[in-house]
Amino acid sequence: MTFSPRVVDIYGFCGQSVVNERADGRDLTKMITRPWSSKKKAQVGAEERLRWARDVAGSIADLQTGADVSGTAAIVHRDAGPSNFVVAKGRLKLNDFNQAIFLKWDRKKEEICPYRQGVFCGNDGRLAIVSAS
């Protein structure tokens, strides 16, 4: 997946194993919850938080708009959270696609096929259909 600079490049996978771009070991959870120094309180500045928000929103948008008429699939990550964003090549990137679904391109309608997932709500077991199209 080299179409987005905000998504970790995946070079190959087999079963439960994946070969992807090297990250430096930090994820957004660790960056948000940095240890506070007793001498000096480490604050994350507004500019840095805005850059993180831009990278997070951009990576999700890139996944969902990656489809085109050539059949390239858009992707529903289904597990995007702070621990799924890592630092690679000095920038925040989306990682961990073990729950992802690749959406297909409908050549007749010339659009992405909609994503539907059953979600159980409440204790009564009723099914709510969630659709993203």
N, C-alpha and C. Protein backbone atom coordinates (compact mmCIF):
# COMPACT_ATOMS: atom_id res chain seq x y z
N MET A 1 0.85 -1.17 0.00
CA MET A 1 0.00 0.00 0.00
C MET A 1 0.89 1.22 0.00
N THR A 2 1.26 1.67 -1.13
CA THR A 2 2.14 2.83 -1.21
C THR A 2 1.39 4.06 -1.70
N PHE A 3 0.07 3.98 -1.76
CA PHE A 3 -0.70 5.09 -2.31
C PHE A 3 -0.81 6.27 -1.37
N SER A 4 -0.51 6.11 -0.11
CA SER A 4 -0.66 7.20 0.86
C SER A 4 0.59 7.34 1.72
N PRO A 5 1.10 8.56 1.85
CA PRO A 5 2.23 8.78 2.75
C PRO A 5 1.83 8.73 4.22
N ARG A 6 0.52 8.61 4.50
CA ARG A 6 0.02 8.58 5.88
C ARG A 6 -0.39 7.17 6.31
N VAL A 7 -0.06 6.17 5.49
CA VAL A 7 -0.37 4.77 5.80
C VAL A 7 0.94 3.98 5.69
N VAL A 8 1.21 3.13 6.68
CA VAL A 8 2.43 2.31 6.66
C VAL A 8 2.43 1.44 5.41
N ASP A 9 3.54 1.43 4.70
CA ASP A 9 3.66 0.59 3.51
C ASP A 9 3.66 -0.88 3.91
N ILE A 10 2.84 -1.67 3.23
CA ILE A 10 2.79 -3.12 3.45
C ILE A 10 3.41 -3.77 2.22
N TYR A 11 4.48 -4.53 2.43
CA TYR A 11 5.20 -5.14 1.32
C TYR A 11 4.72 -6.55 1.03
N GLY A 12 4.14 -7.22 2.00
CA GLY A 12 3.64 -8.57 1.79
C GLY A 12 3.05 -9.14 3.06
N PHE A 13 2.25 -10.18 2.90
CA PHE A 13 1.67 -10.84 4.07
C PHE A 13 1.37 -12.28 3.74
N CYS A 14 1.30 -13.11 4.78
CA CYS A 14 0.96 -14.52 4.64
C CYS A 14 0.40 -14.98 5.98
N GLY A 15 -0.85 -15.38 5.99
CA GLY A 15 -1.48 -15.81 7.23
C GLY A 15 -1.49 -14.70 8.25
N GLN A 16 -0.86 -14.93 9.40
CA GLN A 16 -0.82 -13.93 10.47
C GLN A 16 0.44 -13.07 10.45
N SER A 17 1.27 -13.21 9.42
CA SER A 17 2.52 -12.46 9.35
C SER A 17 2.44 -11.38 8.29
N VAL A 18 3.12 -10.27 8.55
CA VAL A 18 3.13 -9.17 7.60
C VAL A 18 4.53 -8.55 7.57
N VAL A 19 4.94 -8.12 6.39
CA VAL A 19 6.20 -7.40 6.23
C VAL A 19 5.82 -5.98 5.83
N ASN A 20 6.17 -5.03 6.71
CA ASN A 20 5.82 -3.66 6.39
C ASN A 20 6.95 -2.70 6.72
N GLU A 21 6.71 -1.46 6.38
CA GLU A 21 7.66 -0.38 6.59
C GLU A 21 8.08 -0.33 8.06
N ARG A 22 9.35 -0.03 8.28
CA ARG A 22 9.88 0.05 9.65
C ARG A 22 9.35 1.30 10.35
N ALA A 23 8.89 1.11 11.57
CA ALA A 23 8.47 2.23 12.42
C ALA A 23 9.47 2.35 13.56
N ASP A 24 9.51 3.51 14.18
CA ASP A 24 10.54 3.73 15.21
C ASP A 24 10.16 3.27 16.61
N GLY A 25 9.01 2.60 16.77
CA GLY A 25 8.63 2.07 18.07
C GLY A 25 7.66 2.92 18.85
N ARG A 26 7.44 4.15 18.42
CA ARG A 26 6.47 5.00 19.12
C ARG A 26 5.11 4.88 18.44
N ASP A 27 4.06 4.88 19.24
CA ASP A 27 2.72 4.98 18.67
C ASP A 27 2.04 6.18 19.31
N LEU A 28 0.88 6.55 18.79
CA LEU A 28 0.20 7.76 19.26
C LEU A 28 -0.18 7.66 20.73
N THR A 29 -0.51 6.47 21.20
CA THR A 29 -0.84 6.30 22.63
C THR A 29 0.35 6.72 23.49
N LYS A 30 1.54 6.24 23.14
CA LYS A 30 2.74 6.59 23.90
C LYS A 30 3.04 8.08 23.80
N MET A 31 2.78 8.66 22.65
CA MET A 31 3.06 10.08 22.46
C MET A 31 2.09 10.95 23.26
N ILE A 32 0.84 10.53 23.34
CA ILE A 32 -0.17 11.28 24.09
C ILE A 32 0.08 11.18 25.58
N THR A 33 0.48 9.99 26.04
CA THR A 33 0.65 9.74 27.48
C THR A 33 2.11 9.75 27.89
N ARG A 34 2.90 10.66 27.32
CA ARG A 34 4.31 10.77 27.69
C ARG A 34 4.45 10.95 29.19
N PRO A 35 5.50 10.37 29.77
CA PRO A 35 5.69 10.56 31.21
C PRO A 35 5.92 12.04 31.53
N TRP A 36 5.35 12.47 32.63
CA TRP A 36 5.54 13.85 33.07
C TRP A 36 6.79 13.92 33.93
N SER A 37 7.64 14.86 33.63
CA SER A 37 8.86 15.06 34.42
C SER A 37 8.50 15.81 35.70
N SER A 38 9.11 15.42 36.80
CA SER A 38 8.83 16.12 38.06
C SER A 38 9.42 17.53 38.06
N LYS A 39 10.51 17.73 37.32
CA LYS A 39 11.14 19.04 37.27
C LYS A 39 10.42 19.97 36.30
N LYS A 40 10.03 19.43 35.19
CA LYS A 40 9.42 20.26 34.15
C LYS A 40 8.27 19.47 33.52
N LYS A 41 7.10 20.02 33.56
CA LYS A 41 5.95 19.33 32.98
C LYS A 41 6.04 19.39 31.46
N ALA A 42 6.10 18.22 30.86
CA ALA A 42 6.19 18.14 29.40
C ALA A 42 4.79 18.32 28.81
N GLN A 43 4.59 19.38 28.11
CA GLN A 43 3.30 19.66 27.48
C GLN A 43 3.42 19.39 25.98
N VAL A 44 2.38 18.80 25.43
CA VAL A 44 2.31 18.65 23.98
C VAL A 44 1.67 19.91 23.45
N GLY A 45 2.37 20.62 22.58
CA GLY A 45 1.88 21.89 22.08
C GLY A 45 0.69 21.75 21.14
N ALA A 46 -0.05 22.83 21.00
CA ALA A 46 -1.24 22.84 20.14
C ALA A 46 -0.87 22.54 18.69
N GLU A 47 0.25 23.05 18.23
CA GLU A 47 0.66 22.82 16.85
C GLU A 47 0.93 21.33 16.59
N GLU A 48 1.58 20.69 17.55
CA GLU A 48 1.86 19.25 17.41
C GLU A 48 0.57 18.44 17.45
N ARG A 49 -0.35 18.78 18.36
CA ARG A 49 -1.64 18.08 18.42
C ARG A 49 -2.42 18.26 17.12
N LEU A 50 -2.38 19.45 16.55
CA LEU A 50 -3.06 19.68 15.27
C LEU A 50 -2.43 18.86 14.15
N ARG A 51 -1.11 18.74 14.16
CA ARG A 51 -0.42 17.93 13.14
C ARG A 51 -0.83 16.47 13.27
N TRP A 52 -0.92 15.97 14.50
CA TRP A 52 -1.37 14.60 14.72
C TRP A 52 -2.80 14.42 14.22
N ALA A 53 -3.67 15.35 14.56
CA ALA A 53 -5.08 15.26 14.12
C ALA A 53 -5.17 15.27 12.60
N ARG A 54 -4.36 16.11 11.96
CA ARG A 54 -4.35 16.16 10.49
C ARG A 54 -3.89 14.83 9.90
N ASP A 55 -2.84 14.25 10.47
CA ASP A 55 -2.33 12.98 9.96
C ASP A 55 -3.34 11.84 10.18
N VAL A 56 -3.99 11.82 11.34
CA VAL A 56 -5.00 10.78 11.62
C VAL A 56 -6.16 10.91 10.64
N ALA A 57 -6.71 12.11 10.52
CA ALA A 57 -7.85 12.32 9.60
C ALA A 57 -7.45 12.04 8.16
N GLY A 58 -6.25 12.45 7.78
CA GLY A 58 -5.79 12.23 6.41
C GLY A 58 -5.60 10.76 6.08
N SER A 59 -5.09 9.99 7.03
CA SER A 59 -4.88 8.56 6.77
C SER A 59 -6.21 7.83 6.62
N ILE A 60 -7.19 8.16 7.45
CA ILE A 60 -8.52 7.54 7.33
C ILE A 60 -9.15 7.95 6.00
N ALA A 61 -9.05 9.22 5.65
CA ALA A 61 -9.60 9.68 4.37
C ALA A 61 -8.93 8.99 3.20
N ASP A 62 -7.62 8.81 3.27
CA ASP A 62 -6.91 8.12 2.18
C ASP A 62 -7.40 6.69 2.01
N LEU A 63 -7.65 6.00 3.11
CA LEU A 63 -8.16 4.62 3.01
C LEU A 63 -9.51 4.58 2.33
N GLN A 64 -10.37 5.52 2.68
CA GLN A 64 -11.75 5.48 2.20
C GLN A 64 -11.93 6.08 0.82
N THR A 65 -10.92 6.73 0.29
CA THR A 65 -11.04 7.30 -1.05
C THR A 65 -10.04 6.68 -2.01
N GLY A 66 -9.48 5.53 -1.65
CA GLY A 66 -8.47 4.89 -2.48
C GLY A 66 -8.99 4.13 -3.67
N ALA A 67 -10.31 4.06 -3.85
CA ALA A 67 -10.87 3.28 -4.96
C ALA A 67 -10.92 4.11 -6.24
N ASP A 68 -10.73 3.44 -7.35
CA ASP A 68 -10.89 4.09 -8.64
C ASP A 68 -11.37 3.06 -9.66
N VAL A 69 -11.53 3.47 -10.89
CA VAL A 69 -12.10 2.57 -11.90
C VAL A 69 -11.19 1.40 -12.24
N SER A 70 -9.94 1.42 -11.83
CA SER A 70 -9.05 0.30 -12.12
C SER A 70 -9.32 -0.89 -11.21
N GLY A 71 -10.20 -0.70 -10.22
CA GLY A 71 -10.51 -1.80 -9.32
C GLY A 71 -9.77 -1.74 -8.01
N THR A 72 -8.97 -0.70 -7.79
CA THR A 72 -8.27 -0.54 -6.53
C THR A 72 -9.30 -0.41 -5.42
N ALA A 73 -9.11 -1.15 -4.36
CA ALA A 73 -10.10 -1.17 -3.28
C ALA A 73 -9.89 -0.03 -2.29
N ALA A 74 -10.99 0.51 -1.80
CA ALA A 74 -10.94 1.37 -0.62
C ALA A 74 -10.90 0.42 0.58
N ILE A 75 -10.50 0.92 1.72
CA ILE A 75 -10.30 0.06 2.88
C ILE A 75 -11.06 0.59 4.08
N VAL A 76 -11.73 -0.30 4.79
CA VAL A 76 -12.33 0.02 6.08
C VAL A 76 -11.42 -0.60 7.13
N HIS A 77 -10.78 0.22 7.95
CA HIS A 77 -9.79 -0.27 8.91
C HIS A 77 -10.44 -1.07 10.04
N ARG A 78 -11.54 -0.63 10.58
CA ARG A 78 -12.35 -1.26 11.63
C ARG A 78 -11.69 -1.32 13.00
N ASP A 79 -10.51 -0.76 13.17
CA ASP A 79 -9.83 -0.83 14.47
C ASP A 79 -8.92 0.37 14.68
N ALA A 80 -9.26 1.51 14.10
CA ALA A 80 -8.38 2.68 14.19
C ALA A 80 -8.48 3.30 15.58
N GLY A 81 -7.37 3.32 16.27
CA GLY A 81 -7.26 3.93 17.58
C GLY A 81 -5.84 4.44 17.76
N PRO A 82 -5.56 5.15 18.83
CA PRO A 82 -4.22 5.74 19.00
C PRO A 82 -3.07 4.74 18.88
N SER A 83 -3.27 3.51 19.34
CA SER A 83 -2.17 2.54 19.27
C SER A 83 -1.93 2.03 17.85
N ASN A 84 -2.84 2.32 16.92
CA ASN A 84 -2.68 1.89 15.53
C ASN A 84 -2.00 2.94 14.66
N PHE A 85 -1.60 4.06 15.25
CA PHE A 85 -0.86 5.08 14.52
C PHE A 85 0.57 5.08 15.05
N VAL A 86 1.54 4.83 14.17
CA VAL A 86 2.94 4.74 14.55
C VAL A 86 3.74 5.81 13.83
N VAL A 87 4.94 6.07 14.35
CA VAL A 87 5.83 7.02 13.70
C VAL A 87 6.75 6.24 12.77
N ALA A 88 6.72 6.59 11.49
CA ALA A 88 7.60 5.98 10.49
C ALA A 88 8.11 7.09 9.59
N LYS A 89 9.40 7.11 9.36
CA LYS A 89 10.04 8.15 8.56
C LYS A 89 9.67 9.55 9.06
N GLY A 90 9.58 9.67 10.39
CA GLY A 90 9.33 10.96 11.00
C GLY A 90 7.90 11.47 10.94
N ARG A 91 6.97 10.64 10.49
CA ARG A 91 5.58 11.10 10.40
C ARG A 91 4.65 10.05 10.96
N LEU A 92 3.49 10.49 11.42
CA LEU A 92 2.48 9.60 11.99
C LEU A 92 1.76 8.86 10.87
N LYS A 93 1.70 7.51 10.98
CA LYS A 93 1.08 6.70 9.92
C LYS A 93 0.17 5.63 10.51
N LEU A 94 -0.89 5.31 9.79
CA LEU A 94 -1.83 4.27 10.20
C LEU A 94 -1.22 2.90 9.94
N ASN A 95 -1.40 1.99 10.90
CA ASN A 95 -0.81 0.66 10.84
C ASN A 95 -1.84 -0.36 11.33
N ASP A 96 -1.50 -1.63 11.30
CA ASP A 96 -2.28 -2.72 11.89
C ASP A 96 -3.61 -2.93 11.16
N PHE A 97 -3.55 -3.68 10.09
CA PHE A 97 -4.73 -3.91 9.25
C PHE A 97 -5.32 -5.30 9.44
N ASN A 98 -5.15 -5.89 10.63
CA ASN A 98 -5.62 -7.26 10.84
C ASN A 98 -7.14 -7.39 10.85
N GLN A 99 -7.87 -6.29 11.03
CA GLN A 99 -9.33 -6.35 10.98
C GLN A 99 -9.90 -5.60 9.77
N ALA A 100 -9.04 -5.20 8.87
CA ALA A 100 -9.47 -4.38 7.73
C ALA A 100 -10.29 -5.17 6.72
N ILE A 101 -11.15 -4.43 6.03
CA ILE A 101 -11.94 -5.00 4.94
C ILE A 101 -11.66 -4.15 3.70
N PHE A 102 -11.35 -4.82 2.59
CA PHE A 102 -11.11 -4.13 1.33
C PHE A 102 -12.41 -4.05 0.55
N LEU A 103 -12.84 -2.85 0.22
CA LEU A 103 -14.08 -2.67 -0.52
C LEU A 103 -13.79 -2.75 -2.01
N LYS A 104 -14.70 -3.34 -2.73
CA LYS A 104 -14.52 -3.52 -4.17
C LYS A 104 -15.14 -2.36 -4.94
N TRP A 105 -14.75 -2.23 -6.19
CA TRP A 105 -15.26 -1.20 -7.09
C TRP A 105 -16.36 -1.82 -7.94
N ASP A 106 -17.53 -1.19 -7.95
CA ASP A 106 -18.66 -1.63 -8.78
C ASP A 106 -18.50 -0.99 -10.15
N ARG A 107 -18.09 -1.79 -11.14
CA ARG A 107 -17.83 -1.26 -12.48
C ARG A 107 -19.10 -0.78 -13.18
N LYS A 108 -20.24 -1.40 -12.86
CA LYS A 108 -21.50 -0.97 -13.48
C LYS A 108 -21.94 0.39 -12.96
N LYS A 109 -21.88 0.56 -11.66
CA LYS A 109 -22.31 1.82 -11.04
C LYS A 109 -21.19 2.86 -10.99
N GLU A 110 -19.96 2.42 -11.24
CA GLU A 110 -18.77 3.26 -11.15
C GLU A 110 -18.66 3.93 -9.78
N GLU A 111 -18.74 3.09 -8.75
CA GLU A 111 -18.60 3.57 -7.38
C GLU A 111 -18.12 2.44 -6.49
N ILE A 112 -17.71 2.80 -5.29
CA ILE A 112 -17.28 1.80 -4.31
C ILE A 112 -18.51 1.05 -3.82
N CYS A 113 -18.40 -0.27 -3.72
CA CYS A 113 -19.49 -1.06 -3.14
C CYS A 113 -19.61 -0.68 -1.66
N PRO A 114 -20.84 -0.52 -1.15
CA PRO A 114 -21.00 -0.08 0.23
C PRO A 114 -20.53 -1.12 1.24
N TYR A 115 -20.13 -0.62 2.39
CA TYR A 115 -19.70 -1.47 3.50
C TYR A 115 -20.88 -1.63 4.44
N ARG A 116 -21.20 -2.85 4.78
CA ARG A 116 -22.28 -3.13 5.73
C ARG A 116 -21.77 -4.14 6.75
N GLN A 117 -22.01 -3.82 8.00
CA GLN A 117 -21.60 -4.72 9.06
C GLN A 117 -22.72 -4.77 10.08
N GLY A 118 -23.07 -5.96 10.49
CA GLY A 118 -24.07 -6.09 11.54
C GLY A 118 -23.48 -5.71 12.88
N VAL A 119 -24.20 -4.90 13.61
CA VAL A 119 -23.76 -4.48 14.93
C VAL A 119 -24.90 -4.73 15.90
N PHE A 120 -24.64 -5.47 16.97
CA PHE A 120 -25.67 -5.72 17.96
C PHE A 120 -25.70 -4.57 18.95
N CYS A 121 -26.92 -4.09 19.20
CA CYS A 121 -27.10 -2.96 20.12
C CYS A 121 -27.87 -3.41 21.34
N GLY A 122 -27.48 -2.94 22.49
CA GLY A 122 -28.23 -3.22 23.71
C GLY A 122 -28.21 -4.67 24.12
N ASN A 123 -28.95 -4.98 25.16
CA ASN A 123 -29.00 -6.33 25.70
C ASN A 123 -30.07 -7.20 25.05
N ASP A 124 -30.94 -6.58 24.24
CA ASP A 124 -32.03 -7.35 23.65
C ASP A 124 -31.62 -8.07 22.37
N GLY A 125 -30.37 -7.87 21.91
CA GLY A 125 -29.88 -8.60 20.74
C GLY A 125 -30.37 -8.09 19.41
N ARG A 126 -31.01 -6.90 19.38
CA ARG A 126 -31.45 -6.36 18.10
C ARG A 126 -30.24 -6.03 17.24
N LEU A 127 -30.40 -6.18 15.94
CA LEU A 127 -29.32 -5.94 15.00
C LEU A 127 -29.50 -4.59 14.35
N ALA A 128 -28.47 -3.75 14.40
CA ALA A 128 -28.48 -2.47 13.71
C ALA A 128 -27.53 -2.58 12.53
N ILE A 129 -27.98 -2.22 11.35
CA ILE A 129 -27.12 -2.27 10.17
C ILE A 129 -26.41 -0.93 10.03
N VAL A 130 -25.08 -0.98 9.98
CA VAL A 130 -24.28 0.21 9.80
C VAL A 130 -23.80 0.20 8.36
N SER A 131 -24.04 1.28 7.63
CA SER A 131 -23.66 1.34 6.23
C SER A 131 -22.81 2.57 5.98
N ALA A 132 -21.69 2.39 5.32
CA ALA A 132 -20.84 3.50 4.92
C ALA A 132 -20.71 3.44 3.41
N SER A 133 -21.20 4.43 2.75
CA SER A 133 -21.06 4.46 1.29
C SER A 133 -20.82 5.85 0.80
